[in-house]
Structure formats: structure tokens, C-alpha cells
Protein backbone atom coordinates (compact mmCIF):
# COMPACT_ATOMS: atom_id res chain seq x y z
CA UNK A 1 10.64 -13.85 -34.43
CA UNK A 2 11.67 -17.42 -35.27
CA UNK A 3 10.04 -18.71 -32.09
CA UNK A 4 6.64 -17.27 -33.00
CA UNK A 5 6.25 -18.24 -36.64
CA UNK A 6 8.81 -20.93 -37.57
CA UNK A 7 7.58 -23.50 -35.07
CA UNK A 8 6.27 -26.96 -35.93
CA UNK A 9 2.59 -26.81 -34.89
CA UNK A 10 -0.36 -28.47 -36.51
CA UNK A 11 -1.59 -25.63 -38.78
CA UNK A 12 -4.36 -27.92 -40.13
CA UNK A 13 -5.84 -28.33 -36.65
CA UNK A 14 -5.43 -24.60 -36.08
CA UNK A 15 -7.44 -23.82 -39.27
CA UNK A 16 -10.11 -26.29 -38.30
CA UNK A 17 -10.52 -24.75 -34.89
CA UNK A 18 -10.66 -21.27 -36.40
CA UNK A 19 -13.44 -22.33 -38.72
CA UNK A 20 -15.32 -24.09 -35.95
CA UNK A 21 -15.27 -20.93 -33.80
CA UNK A 22 -16.88 -19.03 -36.67
CA UNK A 23 -19.50 -21.72 -37.24
CA UNK A 24 -20.35 -22.16 -33.54
CA UNK A 25 -20.40 -18.41 -32.73
CA UNK A 26 -21.63 -16.66 -35.89
CA UNK A 27 -22.44 -13.44 -34.00
CA UNK A 28 -18.84 -13.12 -32.73
CA UNK A 29 -17.38 -9.70 -33.49
CA UNK A 30 -14.18 -9.40 -35.47
CA UNK A 31 -12.42 -7.91 -32.42
CA UNK A 32 -13.18 -11.03 -30.34
CA UNK A 33 -12.46 -13.40 -33.21
CA UNK A 34 -9.07 -11.91 -33.91
CA UNK A 35 -8.24 -11.97 -30.20
CA UNK A 36 -9.23 -15.66 -29.98
CA UNK A 37 -7.07 -16.46 -33.08
CA UNK A 38 -4.04 -14.94 -31.43
CA UNK A 39 -4.84 -16.75 -28.12
CA UNK A 40 -5.22 -20.05 -29.97
CA UNK A 41 -1.88 -19.52 -31.69
CA UNK A 42 -0.23 -19.09 -28.23
CA UNK A 43 -1.94 -22.22 -26.88
CA UNK A 44 -0.80 -24.28 -29.90
CA UNK A 45 2.75 -23.03 -29.51
CA UNK A 46 2.67 -24.06 -25.81
CA UNK A 47 1.12 -27.46 -26.53
CA UNK A 48 3.44 -28.44 -29.43
CA UNK A 49 6.62 -27.18 -27.75
CA UNK A 50 6.16 -29.35 -24.70
CA UNK A 51 8.41 -32.19 -26.01
CA UNK A 52 11.43 -30.03 -26.59
CA UNK A 53 11.55 -26.95 -24.38
CA UNK A 54 10.80 -25.52 -20.94
CA UNK A 55 8.10 -23.22 -22.45
CA UNK A 56 8.46 -20.12 -20.24
CA UNK A 57 7.74 -17.68 -23.08
CA UNK A 58 4.88 -19.69 -24.48
CA UNK A 59 3.42 -20.12 -21.00
CA UNK A 60 3.54 -16.36 -20.28
CA UNK A 61 1.99 -15.61 -23.67
CA UNK A 62 -0.79 -18.18 -23.11
CA UNK A 63 -1.61 -16.81 -19.63
CA UNK A 64 -1.77 -13.26 -20.97
CA UNK A 65 -4.06 -14.24 -23.85
CA UNK A 66 -6.25 -16.29 -21.55
CA UNK A 67 -6.79 -13.41 -19.16
CA UNK A 68 -6.83 -10.48 -21.65
CA UNK A 69 -8.45 -12.09 -24.77
CA UNK A 70 -10.34 -15.26 -24.00
CA UNK A 71 -12.02 -14.16 -20.73
CA UNK A 72 -13.05 -10.71 -22.09
CA UNK A 73 -14.23 -12.23 -25.43
CA UNK A 74 -16.50 -14.63 -23.52
CA UNK A 75 -17.69 -11.74 -21.32
CA UNK A 76 -18.57 -9.49 -24.28
CA UNK A 77 -20.37 -12.31 -26.08
CA UNK A 78 -22.92 -13.29 -23.48
CA UNK A 79 -21.25 -14.33 -20.20
CA UNK A 80 -21.16 -10.87 -18.65
CA UNK A 81 -24.88 -11.12 -17.81
CA UNK A 82 -24.01 -13.87 -15.29
CA UNK A 83 -21.42 -11.80 -13.53
CA UNK A 84 -21.69 -9.82 -10.30
CA UNK A 85 -22.06 -6.24 -11.44
CA UNK A 86 -18.62 -5.15 -10.08
CA UNK A 87 -16.92 -7.74 -12.34
CA UNK A 88 -18.58 -6.77 -15.61
CA UNK A 89 -16.84 -5.02 -18.49
CA UNK A 90 -17.24 -1.28 -18.03
CA UNK A 91 -16.46 -0.06 -21.60
CA UNK A 92 -17.65 -1.13 -25.06
CA UNK A 93 -15.98 -4.10 -26.72
CA UNK A 94 -14.40 -2.06 -29.50
CA UNK A 95 -12.89 0.34 -26.98
CA UNK A 96 -11.39 -2.44 -24.81
CA UNK A 97 -9.95 -4.45 -27.63
CA UNK A 98 -8.52 -1.31 -29.31
CA UNK A 99 -6.29 -1.10 -26.28
CA UNK A 100 -5.88 -4.80 -25.39
CA UNK A 101 -5.02 -6.11 -28.85
CA UNK A 102 -1.96 -3.93 -29.49
CA UNK A 103 -0.91 -4.15 -25.83
CA UNK A 104 -0.88 -7.96 -25.72
CA UNK A 105 0.60 -8.27 -29.21
CA UNK A 106 3.49 -5.98 -28.17
CA UNK A 107 3.88 -8.04 -24.93
CA UNK A 108 4.21 -11.26 -26.99
CA UNK A 109 6.61 -9.60 -29.44
CA UNK A 110 8.68 -8.40 -26.50
CA UNK A 111 8.90 -11.96 -25.24
CA UNK A 112 10.21 -13.24 -28.59
CA UNK A 113 12.12 -10.35 -30.17
CA UNK A 114 15.45 -11.53 -28.76
CA UNK A 115 14.54 -15.19 -28.12
CA UNK A 116 16.63 -16.51 -31.06
CA UNK A 117 15.87 -20.27 -30.94
CA UNK A 118 14.50 -20.22 -27.36
CA UNK A 119 17.97 -19.79 -25.87
CA UNK A 120 17.92 -20.90 -22.24
CA UNK A 121 14.69 -22.90 -22.59
CA UNK A 122 16.05 -25.91 -24.50
CA UNK A 123 17.68 -28.19 -21.95
CA UNK A 124 20.66 -30.29 -22.91
CA UNK A 125 19.28 -33.55 -21.45
CA UNK A 126 22.54 -35.48 -22.13
CA UNK A 127 24.66 -32.98 -20.22
CA UNK A 128 22.11 -32.75 -17.39
CA UNK A 129 22.15 -36.55 -17.03
CA UNK A 130 25.96 -36.58 -17.00
CA UNK A 131 25.99 -33.81 -14.38
CA UNK A 132 23.44 -35.62 -12.20
CA UNK A 133 25.47 -38.83 -12.41
CA UNK A 134 28.60 -36.92 -11.35
CA UNK A 135 26.71 -35.35 -8.40
CA UNK A 136 24.16 -37.99 -7.39
CA UNK A 137 23.22 -36.27 -4.16
CA UNK A 138 22.69 -32.80 -5.57
CA UNK A 139 19.00 -33.28 -6.33
CA UNK A 140 18.29 -34.51 -2.81
CA UNK A 141 20.20 -31.54 -1.35
CA UNK A 142 18.10 -29.15 -3.43
CA UNK A 143 14.90 -30.92 -2.28
CA UNK A 144 16.07 -30.70 1.36
CA UNK A 145 17.01 -27.02 1.02
CA UNK A 146 13.67 -26.31 -0.58
CA UNK A 147 11.69 -28.01 2.14
CA UNK A 148 13.78 -26.43 4.89
CA UNK A 149 13.27 -22.93 3.40
CA UNK A 150 9.51 -23.42 3.08
CA UNK A 151 9.31 -24.44 6.79
CA UNK A 152 11.66 -21.74 8.05
CA UNK A 153 9.88 -18.99 6.10
CA UNK A 154 6.77 -19.36 8.22
CA UNK A 155 8.67 -17.93 11.24
CA UNK A 156 9.60 -14.60 9.56
CA UNK A 157 7.73 -11.49 8.45
CA UNK A 158 6.53 -10.99 4.95
CA UNK A 159 9.74 -9.28 3.77
CA UNK A 160 12.02 -12.25 4.65
CA UNK A 161 9.42 -14.95 4.17
CA UNK A 162 9.30 -14.08 0.42
CA UNK A 163 13.04 -14.75 0.15
CA UNK A 164 12.55 -18.18 1.80
CA UNK A 165 9.58 -18.77 -0.51
CA UNK A 166 11.87 -18.23 -3.51
CA UNK A 167 14.60 -20.52 -2.08
CA UNK A 168 11.85 -23.08 -1.37
CA UNK A 169 11.42 -23.49 -5.15
CA UNK A 170 14.74 -25.37 -5.07
CA UNK A 171 12.81 -28.49 -4.28
CA UNK A 172 11.20 -28.37 -7.69
CA UNK A 173 14.61 -27.93 -9.34
CA UNK A 174 15.75 -31.01 -7.47
CA UNK A 175 12.66 -32.92 -8.60
CA UNK A 176 13.22 -31.93 -12.23
CA UNK A 177 16.92 -32.91 -11.96
CA UNK A 178 15.80 -36.38 -10.80
CA UNK A 179 13.53 -36.71 -13.85
CA UNK A 180 16.00 -35.46 -16.45
CA UNK A 181 19.11 -36.92 -14.86
CA UNK A 182 17.98 -40.33 -13.71
CA UNK A 183 17.92 -43.56 -15.65
CA UNK A 184 14.42 -44.28 -14.30
CA UNK A 185 11.71 -42.10 -12.85
CA UNK A 186 11.85 -41.84 -9.08
CA UNK A 187 8.20 -41.63 -8.02
CA UNK A 188 8.74 -41.33 -4.25
CA UNK A 189 10.38 -37.90 -4.19
CA UNK A 190 7.90 -36.51 -6.72
CA UNK A 191 4.96 -37.73 -4.60
CA UNK A 192 6.43 -36.11 -1.49
CA UNK A 193 7.16 -32.77 -3.20
CA UNK A 194 3.84 -32.42 -4.95
CA UNK A 195 1.93 -33.67 -1.92
CA UNK A 196 3.53 -30.83 0.03
CA UNK A 197 2.41 -28.22 -2.48
CA UNK A 198 -1.13 -29.73 -2.50
CA UNK A 199 -1.20 -29.49 1.31
CA UNK A 200 0.09 -25.89 1.29
CA UNK A 201 -2.47 -24.93 -1.46
CA UNK A 202 -5.31 -26.43 0.60
CA UNK A 203 -4.04 -24.73 3.76
CA UNK A 204 -3.87 -21.31 2.13
CA UNK A 205 -6.79 -21.75 -0.23
CA UNK A 206 -4.48 -20.60 -3.08
CA UNK A 207 -3.94 -22.93 -6.01
CA UNK A 208 -1.97 -20.93 -8.58
CA UNK A 209 1.37 -22.40 -7.40
CA UNK A 210 0.00 -25.90 -7.66
CA UNK A 211 -1.28 -25.36 -11.23
CA UNK A 212 1.92 -23.63 -12.38
CA UNK A 213 4.25 -26.26 -11.03
CA UNK A 214 2.11 -29.05 -12.51
CA UNK A 215 2.49 -27.41 -15.92
CA UNK A 216 6.25 -27.22 -15.38
CA UNK A 217 6.31 -30.90 -14.24
CA UNK A 218 4.40 -31.80 -17.41
CA UNK A 219 6.93 -29.93 -19.56
CA UNK A 220 9.91 -31.72 -17.93
CA UNK A 221 8.26 -35.12 -18.24
CA UNK A 222 7.49 -34.42 -21.93
CA UNK A 223 11.18 -33.53 -22.49
CA UNK A 224 12.30 -36.75 -20.81
CA UNK A 225 9.76 -39.21 -22.31
CA UNK A 226 8.54 -37.52 -25.57
CA UNK A 227 4.85 -38.56 -25.35
CA UNK A 228 2.80 -38.49 -28.53
CA UNK A 229 0.00 -36.10 -29.24
CA UNK A 230 -2.74 -38.41 -28.02
CA UNK A 231 -1.17 -38.80 -24.57
CA UNK A 232 -0.64 -35.06 -24.30
CA UNK A 233 -4.26 -34.41 -25.26
CA UNK A 234 -5.46 -36.81 -22.56
CA UNK A 235 -3.21 -35.10 -20.04
CA UNK A 236 -4.50 -31.68 -21.15
CA UNK A 237 -8.10 -32.80 -20.82
CA UNK A 238 -7.42 -34.13 -17.28
CA UNK A 239 -5.67 -30.85 -16.38
CA UNK A 240 -8.58 -28.77 -17.66
CA UNK A 241 -11.12 -30.89 -15.65
CA UNK A 242 -8.99 -30.38 -12.57
CA UNK A 243 -8.79 -26.60 -13.09
CA UNK A 244 -12.59 -26.42 -13.62
CA UNK A 245 -13.23 -28.33 -10.38
CA UNK A 246 -10.81 -26.13 -8.45
CA UNK A 247 -12.27 -22.91 -9.79
CA UNK A 248 -15.82 -24.05 -9.15
CA UNK A 249 -15.22 -24.88 -5.50
CA UNK A 250 -12.50 -22.38 -4.58
CA UNK A 251 -14.72 -19.62 -3.25
CA UNK A 252 -16.88 -22.09 -1.24
CA UNK A 253 -13.77 -23.74 0.09
CA UNK A 254 -12.28 -20.46 1.21
CA UNK A 255 -15.59 -19.55 2.86
CA UNK A 256 -15.53 -22.88 4.74
CA UNK A 257 -11.99 -22.38 5.99
CA UNK A 258 -12.90 -18.78 6.91
CA UNK A 259 -15.62 -20.11 9.20
CA UNK A 260 -13.04 -22.10 11.10
CA UNK A 261 -12.92 -25.45 9.25
CA UNK A 262 -9.53 -26.96 8.67
CA UNK A 263 -7.80 -26.22 5.37
CA UNK A 264 -7.23 -29.82 4.45
CA UNK A 265 -8.23 -32.55 1.97
CA UNK A 266 -11.25 -33.60 4.05
CA UNK A 267 -12.80 -30.12 3.88
CA UNK A 268 -11.98 -29.86 0.17
CA UNK A 269 -13.64 -33.27 -0.46
CA UNK A 270 -16.73 -32.19 1.45
CA UNK A 271 -17.03 -28.98 -0.56
CA UNK A 272 -16.55 -30.92 -3.84
CA UNK A 273 -19.34 -33.36 -2.84
CA UNK A 274 -21.70 -30.52 -1.93
CA UNK A 275 -20.98 -28.71 -5.23
CA UNK A 276 -21.56 -31.91 -7.20
CA UNK A 277 -24.85 -32.63 -5.38
CA UNK A 278 -26.24 -29.08 -5.73
CA UNK A 279 -25.61 -27.96 -9.28
CA UNK A 280 -22.80 -30.10 -10.58
CA UNK A 281 -19.47 -28.91 -11.89
CA UNK A 282 -20.61 -28.29 -15.44
CA UNK A 283 -23.73 -26.29 -14.77
CA UNK A 284 -23.67 -23.52 -17.45
CA UNK A 285 -24.64 -20.71 -15.14
CA UNK A 286 -21.98 -21.76 -12.62
CA UNK A 287 -19.32 -21.97 -15.34
CA UNK A 288 -20.41 -18.65 -16.82
CA UNK A 289 -20.24 -16.82 -13.46
CA UNK A 290 -16.71 -18.20 -13.01
CA UNK A 291 -15.53 -16.61 -16.24
CA UNK A 292 -14.16 -13.84 -14.06
CA UNK A 293 -11.42 -16.27 -12.99
CA UNK A 294 -9.89 -16.02 -16.48
CA UNK A 295 -11.01 -12.49 -17.19
CA UNK A 296 -8.57 -9.79 -15.98
CA UNK A 297 -9.87 -7.52 -18.70
CA UNK A 298 -12.59 -6.24 -16.40
CA UNK A 299 -9.84 -4.66 -14.29
CA UNK A 300 -8.54 -2.84 -17.37
CA UNK A 301 -12.06 -1.64 -18.32
CA UNK A 302 -12.55 -0.29 -14.70
CA UNK A 303 -9.33 1.68 -15.08
CA UNK A 304 -10.42 2.98 -18.51
CA UNK A 305 -13.80 3.90 -17.08
CA UNK A 306 -12.37 5.68 -14.06
CA UNK A 307 -9.15 7.37 -15.29
CA UNK A 308 -9.00 10.30 -15.98
CA UNK A 309 -12.74 11.06 -15.77
CA UNK A 310 -12.98 10.35 -12.01
CA UNK A 311 -9.43 9.91 -10.91
CA UNK A 312 -6.55 11.90 -12.48
CA UNK A 313 -3.53 10.26 -14.13
CA UNK A 314 -0.96 9.16 -11.55
CA UNK A 315 1.90 10.07 -13.90
CA UNK A 316 3.92 6.98 -12.98
CA UNK A 317 3.71 7.46 -9.21
CA UNK A 318 2.80 3.81 -8.56
CA UNK A 319 5.52 2.54 -10.92
CA UNK A 320 8.11 4.64 -9.11
CA UNK A 321 6.93 3.20 -5.81
CA UNK A 322 7.25 -0.35 -7.14
CA UNK A 323 10.75 0.35 -8.36
CA UNK A 324 11.71 1.82 -5.02
CA UNK A 325 10.36 -1.25 -3.26
CA UNK A 326 12.23 -3.55 -5.68
CA UNK A 327 15.51 -1.81 -5.02
CA UNK A 328 14.98 -1.76 -1.25
């Protein structure tokens, strides 16, 4: 458990945030407060690890806490009233967190129980640089293969297109190799690569790949250039603003493309302008209703409400089906 508890984070800032949560939300239940403390610990681990590791475990833990702790805690403490009725929590807070707290804690422990000192996530920058200098064209080959796979995948069915989608991620490996292996940052290839994912996100109306790869890009840049806490906080603030804007306009943007408008930057800009003119991006009711974007707990509560009272236990049938599909 070295990677969970023996990590250099700012415990003073953590304690201040914990106290501020109590002062700002005095009616918060102990279930929600404990869940938020665990979530905040994961967020701090992710933030303070960014200069030294590719934080896969911390990223997974943070995402899980965001969706299973933060979103549900906000819902139970006032934001559920702004939700569409189908997206509301269906069981009492104590019942939900009695399940979610041990489940997520065990998930996090499972991530770190054999992590040692984050084996496989600490890149040897010196060796990567030497390897990149010995194979100067490798990064560009990976970028080319990635772009080619992304284009070819569109001509195949869903089974094969997913394989090409995975191979298409090679372009990001090439980009990260350029950052870690080069003597100076090559802006051109990075602009091309991330412009392509912006365009594909706008075309599909799906932005999770864009956000995930931006986080990974930030992690690699932090490893290469070791920015101080102030710069990382500025970058974090900018990233949060971008996420809020995307989440606020995503449904309207999808509706616009569904009506036949082009899925491009022009349509997205128009939707952003309309949103800003109508209620603004930081209208409380709008933000509250979008809590469902980070609240996957409502799905768990629907299951708890439905099974086994209305639908019998499946006894692992769906899990078996998933395993069969994976092997096939």
C-alpha cells in the first residue's frame, strides 16, 4: 500500500480542504463527508504524482470516486431536486453508501495492493531519450500508423473497427515519445494529433477520448518539464473550465447535429454562444442539473431498487456473456 499512503502530497492543504467542506456544508452527512474525504485523497494523489509518473492507477481511482462518491454526495445533499426524475437516486443515502463505500475502497485497494512503487508507471526518461535518438523515425512511424488505422477503421464493421481504434492510439504513443525523447518540444505533430481528436470528438459528439488524452498529455509534459504547483493549478483550473463548458453544451450540440447540422467547430461555437447568451455557463440550476454527468451512482441505486424486488438475480449470466464475448 506504499502508493496509497507513503506519497508526497500536501497534507496541510488536504486538512484545510477537509475543514472547509465541513464549514461550507454543515448539514453534510457523515456518509457523504467520508466519501468526499476519500475522493479528495485520490484527487490529491493524482495531482501531486503528475511530475513523476504516468498516473494510471490514480486516474482510475479519481474517476471512480468522482462518479461513485462526489456525484452521489452532491445529489443526496440538494442537487437531486434539479434532476430529471429518471436520473434521481432511488434509495436512501445510508443504503447507497453502505454499498458504495466498501465497493470503491476495495476497488482502490485492488489497484494498489501489488503496485509496489508504481511499477510500470514511472518512465525512465533518460533511457527513453536514448532510445528515441537511436530510432529517430519511430515516433513518426507510430503517428502514421495511428492515423492510418483511425482512417481505415471507418470502412469496417464494429468488430474490426474496434481493433483499428486500439491501433489508432499508436499516434499518441508517438506524440509522447516526441515529448520525452526530444531535446525540444515539437509543437507541429502535437497540434496535428490533438486537432484530429478534437475533430473526431466534434464529429461524433463524444468527448471522453479528448479529455482522457489531454490528461495523459498533461502527465507526460509534467514528467518532461517538472512544472511547479502554481502552473499545475492554473492548468487544472483551465481544464475544469473546459470540462464544464463541454458538459453544459454537449446535449444541445448533439441535438443540433441530430437535426442535420454538421458536427464541426462552427456548430459547436454556435451552441456555445447560444448557451452563454441564454443562461451562461455557470448558472446554478444548469450546473446542478448536469450533476448527472459525474453521478453514476444513480445507476447503482436503480439496480438496488429493482433487483431482486422486481427483477430476479441474474446469477452471473451477463458476466458470463461478457467473458464469452471477450474470448471470441
